[in-house]
Amino acid sequence: MKFNLHDTRVEPVEGATERFKALRGKRGMICPNHSNRHDPQVMFAFSRIVKEDFNYIAAREVFDWDNGRNGWWIQRMGAYSVVRGAADRESFKMTRKILAEGKKKLVLFPEGEISRQNDTLMALESGAAQLCFWAVEELNKGNANGNIEPIFLLPMALKYTFTKDVRPALRRKVSVIEERLGLKPSENTPIRERIRVIGQSLLATLEHEYNYNNKDGQIPSERIMRLRQHILKSAAEQLHIKLPENNRELESVRIIRNTLDDFIYSDEIPKSEYQRKIHDEKAAVIRGFYRDLERVVNFIAIYDTYLDEQNTQERFADILDRLETEVIGGEPSFTGPRRVLLDVGQAINMSDRYADYKKDKRAILAKTMEEVSGQLTSMLKQLEQMRTPILVT
């Protein structure tokens, strides 16, 4: 937090720590929003503040980063993996065990993807609620007296803000990206207009790369949306995946990514040497689709009025981080020191809902995650009101 993240600080708002400590010693799953790649470090810092260790569930591929060294490290920090979209029985078994035993609370990000949206929330997956109900079932096996032990689901909101004026750093980022794209705007051009020109240049390049014929007259946001849909459709066709009609883009991303994860990490099933060779050859080819999905997610929140709605320096930084990742690659460069405002919502007793869950699982899962989404959205709005934003013109 001090060195690698340039002295990022976590600041729980008034009452947040007390609401969390009210659940001390009780079983629970913590569900924060997931806007930033540094959210796991923030949650670990929060665990220090409340003096309570957590377990963390992370996507299987995270453990392969840095030639496997990342996996070695985060396992010792309390993390374990799940293969998304697969019947990962060992992971499900571990989750039920952790929640039922109640030695540590479990952190799970219900958005499933890093949204890169500091102000808003993506659609939540139902897995968080499902895992809680499975744990309630596990905990109360053989319970003859009918007293159901409580397991709580706890929403938590994280809001990143800069601690100083970073507009000079934003302009430097814009200049670096423009140089990579061969653009030479006037220094007097407003930064919003420069970002729009960058976006148009990227869009034209990607339309050509993905063999997508843009229809004349479409506004940029329409072109971006149709290009995302084209990338998803092409990937699904090549992977022989049938996507549901009128599906949300993010849900299509999840379906394709889950299929990739399921195939690539099936290599953990025992195979002969030749079977492994053939599997590895095919896995090497389809891994390229991960980049296509990252590109879709990277641009899923960008639309023509995005910077007109709220022109804070944080929102400009979000956009530039996406553009920098696309044009230059790797992790975005440092913009400025940050503080993370953190709020804790109202705990949901999942055990109280278990009887209704058994009657209509789908409806109760949807209702629960809708409540979590509502709490997170409300807290993010309240956190925005607790600061004086710096606007970019």
Protein backbone atom coordinates (compact mmCIF):
# COMPACT_ATOMS: atom_id res chain seq x y z
CA MET A 1 0.00 0.00 0.00
CA LYS A 2 2.80 2.43 0.83
CA PHE A 3 5.32 1.67 -1.89
CA ASN A 4 3.77 -0.32 -4.76
CA LEU A 5 0.48 1.63 -4.56
CA HIS A 6 2.16 4.98 -3.80
CA ASP A 7 0.77 5.40 -0.29
CA THR A 8 -2.86 4.51 -1.06
CA ARG A 9 -4.89 4.89 2.14
CA VAL A 10 -8.16 3.21 3.17
CA GLU A 11 -10.58 5.45 5.06
CA PRO A 12 -13.79 3.87 6.43
CA VAL A 13 -16.54 6.47 6.75
CA GLU A 14 -18.28 7.18 10.04
CA GLY A 15 -20.14 4.13 11.32
CA ALA A 16 -18.67 1.69 8.77
CA THR A 17 -16.18 0.04 11.12
CA GLU A 18 -18.80 -0.26 13.85
CA ARG A 19 -21.28 -1.94 11.50
CA PHE A 20 -18.60 -4.41 10.48
CA LYS A 21 -17.47 -5.16 14.04
CA ALA A 22 -21.08 -5.92 14.99
CA LEU A 23 -20.58 -9.17 13.04
CA ARG A 24 -17.36 -10.13 14.82
CA GLY A 25 -17.30 -13.87 15.48
CA LYS A 26 -20.22 -14.47 13.10
CA ARG A 27 -20.15 -16.35 9.81
CA GLY A 28 -20.29 -14.22 6.71
CA MET A 29 -19.41 -13.32 3.14
CA ILE A 30 -18.18 -9.79 2.32
CA CYS A 31 -19.29 -8.52 -1.10
CA PRO A 32 -17.55 -5.30 -2.26
CA ASN A 33 -17.93 -3.59 -5.62
CA HIS A 34 -14.98 -4.28 -7.93
CA SER A 35 -13.97 -1.13 -9.79
CA ASN A 36 -10.21 -1.37 -9.49
CA ARG A 37 -7.44 -3.96 -9.88
CA HIS A 38 -6.20 -2.98 -6.40
CA ASP A 39 -9.44 -3.90 -4.60
CA PRO A 40 -7.90 -7.06 -3.06
CA GLN A 41 -5.11 -4.99 -1.49
CA VAL A 42 -7.71 -2.54 -0.17
CA MET A 43 -9.67 -5.36 1.43
CA PHE A 44 -6.50 -6.73 3.00
CA ALA A 45 -5.77 -3.25 4.40
CA PHE A 46 -9.30 -3.09 5.79
CA SER A 47 -8.74 -6.44 7.52
CA ARG A 48 -5.86 -4.79 9.37
CA ILE A 49 -8.09 -1.88 10.41
CA VAL A 50 -10.72 -4.19 11.92
CA LYS A 51 -8.07 -6.67 13.17
CA GLU A 52 -9.78 -9.64 11.51
CA ASP A 53 -8.25 -11.99 8.91
CA PHE A 54 -10.27 -12.86 5.79
CA ASN A 55 -10.26 -15.58 3.16
CA TYR A 56 -10.50 -14.57 -0.51
CA ILE A 57 -11.87 -16.37 -3.56
CA ALA A 58 -10.18 -15.48 -6.87
CA ALA A 59 -10.42 -16.57 -10.50
CA ARG A 60 -8.15 -19.50 -11.31
CA GLU A 61 -6.01 -17.62 -13.86
CA VAL A 62 -4.90 -15.09 -11.23
CA PHE A 63 -2.79 -17.83 -9.65
CA ASP A 64 -0.76 -18.22 -12.87
CA TRP A 65 0.34 -14.58 -13.03
CA ASP A 66 4.04 -13.85 -12.79
CA ASN A 67 4.89 -17.45 -13.73
CA GLY A 68 2.95 -18.81 -10.77
CA ARG A 69 4.65 -16.66 -8.14
CA ASN A 70 1.45 -14.68 -7.64
CA GLY A 71 -0.42 -17.89 -6.80
CA TRP A 72 2.21 -18.93 -4.25
CA TRP A 73 1.93 -15.52 -2.60
CA ILE A 74 -1.84 -15.02 -2.47
CA GLN A 75 -2.49 -18.56 -1.24
CA ARG A 76 -0.44 -17.66 1.82
CA MET A 77 -2.51 -14.50 2.22
CA GLY A 78 -5.72 -16.54 2.47
CA ALA A 79 -6.85 -16.88 -1.16
CA TYR A 80 -8.07 -19.94 -3.06
CA SER A 81 -9.25 -20.39 -6.64
CA VAL A 82 -12.41 -21.05 -8.60
CA VAL A 83 -12.65 -21.99 -12.27
CA ARG A 84 -15.43 -19.68 -13.43
CA GLY A 85 -18.34 -21.33 -15.18
CA ALA A 86 -17.19 -24.84 -14.36
CA ALA A 87 -18.54 -27.27 -11.82
CA ASP A 88 -15.49 -26.62 -9.66
CA ARG A 89 -16.51 -28.98 -6.89
CA GLU A 90 -13.33 -28.57 -4.87
CA SER A 91 -13.74 -24.79 -4.83
CA PHE A 92 -17.44 -25.02 -3.94
CA LYS A 93 -16.59 -27.50 -1.20
CA MET A 94 -13.95 -25.14 0.21
CA THR A 95 -16.39 -22.20 0.15
CA ARG A 96 -19.06 -24.14 2.02
CA LYS A 97 -16.45 -25.27 4.53
CA ILE A 98 -15.12 -21.74 5.17
CA LEU A 99 -18.58 -20.21 5.57
CA ALA A 100 -19.92 -23.07 7.69
CA GLU A 101 -16.90 -23.20 10.02
CA GLY A 102 -16.92 -19.44 10.47
CA LYS A 103 -13.26 -19.09 11.41
CA LYS A 104 -12.80 -16.30 8.87
CA LYS A 105 -15.17 -14.27 6.76
CA LEU A 106 -14.91 -14.74 2.99
CA VAL A 107 -14.37 -11.90 0.48
CA LEU A 108 -16.03 -12.37 -2.93
CA PHE A 109 -16.48 -9.67 -5.60
CA PRO A 110 -19.99 -10.31 -7.01
CA GLU A 111 -19.47 -8.30 -10.21
CA GLY A 112 -17.08 -11.05 -11.32
CA GLU A 113 -15.07 -8.61 -13.45
CA ILE A 114 -13.12 -5.44 -12.70
CA SER A 115 -15.63 -2.85 -13.85
CA ARG A 116 -13.16 0.07 -14.15
CA GLN A 117 -16.16 2.24 -13.20
CA ASN A 118 -15.54 4.15 -10.00
CA ASP A 119 -19.03 5.66 -9.92
CA THR A 120 -21.31 2.87 -11.07
CA LEU A 121 -21.95 -0.85 -10.70
CA MET A 122 -22.10 -3.67 -13.23
CA ALA A 123 -24.75 -6.39 -13.03
CA LEU A 124 -24.03 -8.78 -10.16
CA GLU A 125 -23.69 -12.53 -10.49
CA SER A 126 -25.94 -14.71 -8.35
CA GLY A 127 -23.06 -16.94 -7.22
CA ALA A 128 -22.49 -15.01 -3.98
CA ALA A 129 -26.02 -15.69 -2.74
CA GLN A 130 -25.97 -19.27 -4.05
CA LEU A 131 -22.77 -20.11 -2.16
CA CYS A 132 -24.21 -18.63 1.03
CA PHE A 133 -27.34 -20.78 0.77
CA TRP A 134 -25.23 -23.87 0.15
CA ALA A 135 -23.28 -23.04 3.28
CA VAL A 136 -26.50 -22.63 5.28
CA GLU A 137 -27.50 -26.09 4.06
CA GLU A 138 -24.09 -27.51 5.02
CA LEU A 139 -24.12 -25.87 8.45
CA ASN A 140 -27.54 -27.17 9.38
CA LYS A 141 -27.27 -30.78 8.22
CA GLY A 142 -28.72 -33.03 10.88
CA ASN A 143 -30.08 -30.05 12.80
CA ALA A 144 -33.03 -31.60 14.59
CA ASN A 145 -34.08 -28.65 16.77
CA GLY A 146 -34.85 -26.38 13.81
CA ASN A 147 -32.67 -23.49 14.99
CA ILE A 148 -30.82 -22.37 11.87
CA GLU A 149 -27.36 -20.91 12.46
CA PRO A 150 -27.02 -17.47 10.78
CA ILE A 151 -24.72 -16.78 7.82
CA PHE A 152 -24.56 -13.14 6.74
CA LEU A 153 -23.95 -11.52 3.36
CA LEU A 154 -22.41 -8.07 3.83
CA PRO A 155 -22.31 -5.46 1.00
CA MET A 156 -19.31 -3.10 1.05
CA ALA A 157 -18.64 -0.04 -1.13
CA LEU A 158 -15.18 1.14 -2.23
CA LYS A 159 -14.69 4.60 -3.78
CA TYR A 160 -11.28 5.70 -5.09
CA THR A 161 -10.41 9.39 -4.95
CA PHE A 162 -7.20 11.31 -5.61
CA THR A 163 -5.71 13.22 -2.69
CA LYS A 164 -4.54 16.12 -4.87
CA ASP A 165 -5.04 17.79 -8.24
CA VAL A 166 -3.84 15.27 -10.87
CA ARG A 167 -4.91 17.21 -13.97
CA PRO A 168 -1.29 17.77 -15.07
CA ALA A 169 -0.69 14.00 -14.89
CA LEU A 170 -3.86 13.38 -16.94
CA ARG A 171 -2.62 15.72 -19.67
CA ARG A 172 0.74 13.96 -19.75
CA LYS A 173 -1.05 10.63 -20.18
CA VAL A 174 -3.10 12.03 -23.04
CA SER A 175 0.08 13.26 -24.76
CA VAL A 176 1.78 9.85 -24.47
CA ILE A 177 -1.24 8.06 -25.94
CA GLU A 178 -1.53 10.61 -28.76
CA GLU A 179 2.14 10.13 -29.61
CA ARG A 180 1.66 6.34 -29.87
CA LEU A 181 -1.28 6.92 -32.21
CA GLY A 182 0.50 9.53 -34.33
CA LEU A 183 -1.90 12.30 -33.32
CA LYS A 184 -0.70 15.91 -33.02
CA PRO A 185 -3.44 18.10 -31.49
CA SER A 186 -3.04 21.68 -30.40
CA GLU A 187 -2.12 22.06 -26.73
CA ASN A 188 -5.06 24.44 -26.43
CA THR A 189 -7.53 21.72 -27.38
CA PRO A 190 -9.70 20.77 -24.36
CA ILE A 191 -8.73 17.40 -22.85
CA ARG A 192 -12.25 16.01 -23.40
CA GLU A 193 -12.00 16.69 -27.13
CA ARG A 194 -8.51 15.15 -27.26
CA ILE A 195 -9.84 11.98 -25.62
CA ARG A 196 -12.68 11.84 -28.14
CA VAL A 197 -10.19 12.05 -31.02
CA ILE A 198 -8.13 9.26 -29.42
CA GLY A 199 -11.26 7.15 -29.14
CA GLN A 200 -12.16 7.71 -32.79
CA SER A 201 -8.64 6.72 -33.89
CA LEU A 202 -8.77 3.53 -31.80
CA LEU A 203 -12.23 2.71 -33.06
CA ALA A 204 -11.23 3.00 -36.72
CA THR A 205 -8.18 0.79 -36.15
CA LEU A 206 -10.14 -1.89 -34.30
CA GLU A 207 -12.95 -1.91 -36.87
CA HIS A 208 -10.34 -2.62 -39.52
CA GLU A 209 -8.56 -5.26 -37.40
CA TYR A 210 -11.78 -7.15 -36.66
CA ASN A 211 -13.06 -6.86 -40.27
CA TYR A 212 -16.10 -4.91 -39.17
CA ASN A 213 -17.67 -2.62 -41.76
CA ASN A 214 -18.87 0.51 -40.02
CA LYS A 215 -22.15 1.90 -41.27
CA ASP A 216 -22.02 5.56 -42.21
CA GLY A 217 -23.87 7.93 -39.93
CA GLN A 218 -23.49 5.98 -36.69
CA ILE A 219 -22.52 8.06 -33.68
CA PRO A 220 -19.35 6.91 -31.82
CA SER A 221 -21.22 5.24 -28.95
CA GLU A 222 -23.27 3.24 -31.49
CA ARG A 223 -20.11 2.20 -33.32
CA ILE A 224 -18.44 1.10 -30.06
CA MET A 225 -21.48 -0.95 -29.06
CA ARG A 226 -21.73 -2.66 -32.45
CA LEU A 227 -18.00 -3.41 -32.51
CA ARG A 228 -18.23 -5.03 -29.06
CA GLN A 229 -21.13 -7.15 -30.25
CA HIS A 230 -19.21 -8.10 -33.40
CA ILE A 231 -16.16 -9.21 -31.36
CA LEU A 232 -18.32 -11.32 -29.03
CA LYS A 233 -20.25 -12.91 -31.92
CA SER A 234 -17.04 -13.75 -33.81
CA ALA A 235 -15.42 -15.29 -30.72
CA ALA A 236 -18.53 -17.34 -29.96
CA GLU A 237 -18.71 -18.66 -33.51
CA GLN A 238 -15.05 -19.70 -33.55
CA LEU A 239 -15.44 -21.44 -30.19
CA HIS A 240 -18.75 -23.07 -31.23
CA ILE A 241 -20.64 -21.33 -28.44
CA LYS A 242 -24.30 -20.41 -28.85
CA LEU A 243 -25.04 -17.14 -27.08
CA PRO A 244 -28.63 -16.44 -25.95
CA GLU A 245 -30.47 -13.88 -28.05
CA ASN A 246 -30.79 -10.36 -26.61
CA ASN A 247 -28.16 -11.22 -24.02
CA ARG A 248 -26.40 -8.44 -22.11
CA GLU A 249 -22.85 -7.98 -23.38
CA LEU A 250 -21.32 -8.63 -19.98
CA GLU A 251 -23.26 -11.88 -19.68
CA SER A 252 -21.95 -12.94 -23.10
CA VAL A 253 -18.42 -12.13 -21.90
CA ARG A 254 -18.98 -14.37 -18.89
CA ILE A 255 -20.31 -17.25 -20.99
CA ILE A 256 -17.32 -17.14 -23.35
CA ARG A 257 -14.77 -16.63 -20.56
CA ASN A 258 -16.28 -19.46 -18.53
CA THR A 259 -16.00 -21.77 -21.54
CA LEU A 260 -12.34 -20.80 -21.97
CA ASP A 261 -11.61 -21.29 -18.26
CA ASP A 262 -13.39 -24.63 -18.23
CA PHE A 263 -11.30 -25.96 -21.13
CA ILE A 264 -7.91 -24.49 -20.20
CA TYR A 265 -8.02 -25.56 -16.57
CA SER A 266 -9.29 -29.02 -17.35
CA ASP A 267 -5.57 -29.76 -17.69
CA GLU A 268 -5.67 -30.36 -13.94
CA ILE A 269 -7.53 -33.60 -14.70
CA PRO A 270 -5.01 -36.48 -15.06
CA LYS A 271 -4.05 -37.09 -18.72
CA SER A 272 -1.54 -39.15 -20.67
CA GLU A 273 1.53 -37.35 -21.99
CA TYR A 274 0.10 -37.27 -25.50
CA GLN A 275 -3.34 -36.09 -24.33
CA ARG A 276 -1.64 -33.26 -22.43
CA LYS A 277 0.38 -32.29 -25.53
CA ILE A 278 -2.74 -32.01 -27.70
CA HIS A 279 -4.61 -30.14 -24.96
CA ASP A 280 -1.76 -27.65 -24.50
CA GLU A 281 -1.60 -26.96 -28.25
CA LYS A 282 -5.30 -26.13 -28.40
CA ALA A 283 -5.16 -24.14 -25.14
CA ALA A 284 -2.35 -21.98 -26.56
CA VAL A 285 -4.58 -21.04 -29.49
CA ILE A 286 -7.75 -20.23 -27.57
CA ARG A 287 -5.97 -18.21 -24.89
CA GLY A 288 -5.90 -15.43 -27.47
CA PHE A 289 -9.64 -14.99 -26.99
CA TYR A 290 -9.02 -13.70 -23.47
CA ARG A 291 -7.56 -10.54 -25.03
CA ASP A 292 -10.71 -10.06 -27.11
CA LEU A 293 -12.86 -10.35 -23.98
CA GLU A 294 -10.64 -7.94 -22.06
CA ARG A 295 -11.04 -5.47 -24.91
CA VAL A 296 -14.82 -5.74 -24.79
CA VAL A 297 -14.90 -5.25 -21.00
CA ASN A 298 -12.40 -2.41 -21.30
CA PHE A 299 -14.81 -0.48 -23.53
CA ILE A 300 -18.11 -1.66 -22.10
CA ALA A 301 -18.58 1.51 -20.02
CA ILE A 302 -17.45 3.99 -22.67
CA TYR A 303 -20.14 5.86 -24.53
CA ASP A 304 -20.38 9.26 -26.18
CA THR A 305 -21.66 11.18 -23.13
CA TYR A 306 -19.56 9.36 -20.53
CA LEU A 307 -17.37 12.37 -19.73
CA ASP A 308 -20.25 14.83 -19.99
CA GLU A 309 -22.22 13.18 -17.19
CA GLN A 310 -19.59 13.77 -14.52
CA ASN A 311 -16.30 15.36 -15.53
CA THR A 312 -14.34 14.62 -12.34
CA GLN A 313 -10.63 13.89 -12.53
CA GLU A 314 -11.34 10.35 -11.27
CA ARG A 315 -13.64 9.64 -14.21
CA PHE A 316 -11.10 11.05 -16.68
CA ALA A 317 -8.44 8.86 -15.04
CA ASP A 318 -10.69 5.79 -15.44
CA ILE A 319 -11.04 6.50 -19.16
CA LEU A 320 -7.34 7.16 -19.66
CA ASP A 321 -6.38 3.98 -17.80
CA ARG A 322 -8.53 2.01 -20.27
CA LEU A 323 -7.06 3.81 -23.26
CA GLU A 324 -3.51 3.41 -21.97
CA THR A 325 -4.03 -0.32 -21.42
CA GLU A 326 -5.38 -0.67 -24.96
CA VAL A 327 -2.74 1.43 -26.75
CA ILE A 328 0.39 0.76 -24.69
CA GLY A 329 -0.47 -2.47 -22.85
CA GLY A 330 0.37 -3.63 -19.37
CA GLU A 331 -0.66 -1.88 -16.16
CA PRO A 332 -1.67 1.80 -16.43
CA SER A 333 0.97 4.29 -15.30
CA PHE A 334 0.76 6.03 -11.92
CA THR A 335 -1.59 9.03 -11.92
CA GLY A 336 -1.46 10.21 -8.31
CA PRO A 337 -1.81 9.18 -4.66
CA ARG A 338 -5.27 8.04 -3.66
CA ARG A 339 -7.49 7.45 -0.71
CA VAL A 340 -10.22 4.84 -0.78
CA LEU A 341 -13.46 5.77 0.96
CA LEU A 342 -15.10 2.63 2.34
CA ASP A 343 -18.62 2.05 3.61
CA VAL A 344 -20.27 -1.03 5.06
CA GLY A 345 -23.89 -1.82 4.30
CA GLN A 346 -26.62 -3.60 6.21
CA ALA A 347 -25.93 -7.31 6.71
CA ILE A 348 -28.38 -9.72 5.12
CA ASN A 349 -29.14 -12.84 7.18
CA MET A 350 -29.16 -15.55 4.53
CA SER A 351 -30.35 -18.18 6.98
CA ASP A 352 -33.61 -16.26 7.43
CA ARG A 353 -34.23 -16.59 3.70
CA TYR A 354 -33.35 -20.26 3.42
CA ALA A 355 -36.93 -21.57 3.70
CA ASP A 356 -38.07 -19.25 0.89
CA TYR A 357 -34.99 -20.22 -1.13
CA LYS A 358 -35.97 -23.89 -1.02
CA LYS A 359 -39.42 -22.99 -2.39
CA ASP A 360 -38.23 -20.76 -5.27
CA LYS A 361 -34.46 -20.69 -5.66
CA ARG A 362 -34.25 -18.49 -8.74
CA ALA A 363 -36.55 -15.80 -7.36
CA ILE A 364 -34.81 -15.56 -3.99
CA LEU A 365 -31.35 -15.49 -5.57
CA ALA A 366 -32.45 -12.64 -7.86
CA LYS A 367 -34.13 -10.75 -5.01
CA THR A 368 -31.07 -11.05 -2.78
CA MET A 369 -28.60 -9.85 -5.40
CA GLU A 370 -30.95 -7.01 -6.36
CA GLU A 371 -30.88 -5.91 -2.71
CA VAL A 372 -27.07 -6.13 -2.64
CA SER A 373 -26.88 -4.09 -5.86
CA GLY A 374 -29.23 -1.47 -4.41
CA GLN A 375 -27.16 -1.11 -1.26
CA LEU A 376 -23.90 -0.81 -3.19
CA THR A 377 -25.31 1.78 -5.59
CA SER A 378 -26.72 3.83 -2.73
CA MET A 379 -23.45 3.75 -0.78
CA LEU A 380 -21.42 4.78 -3.84
CA LYS A 381 -23.69 7.80 -4.33
CA GLN A 382 -23.35 8.75 -0.66
CA LEU A 383 -19.56 8.41 -0.80
CA GLU A 384 -19.49 10.77 -3.79
CA GLN A 385 -21.26 13.40 -1.67
CA MET A 386 -18.59 13.17 1.04
CA ARG A 387 -15.92 14.89 -0.99
CA THR A 388 -15.32 18.01 -3.05
CA PRO A 389 -14.48 16.77 -6.56
CA ILE A 390 -11.94 18.42 -8.86
CA LEU A 391 -13.47 18.91 -12.30
CA VAL A 392 -11.62 18.69 -15.61
CA THR A 393 -12.42 21.25 -18.30
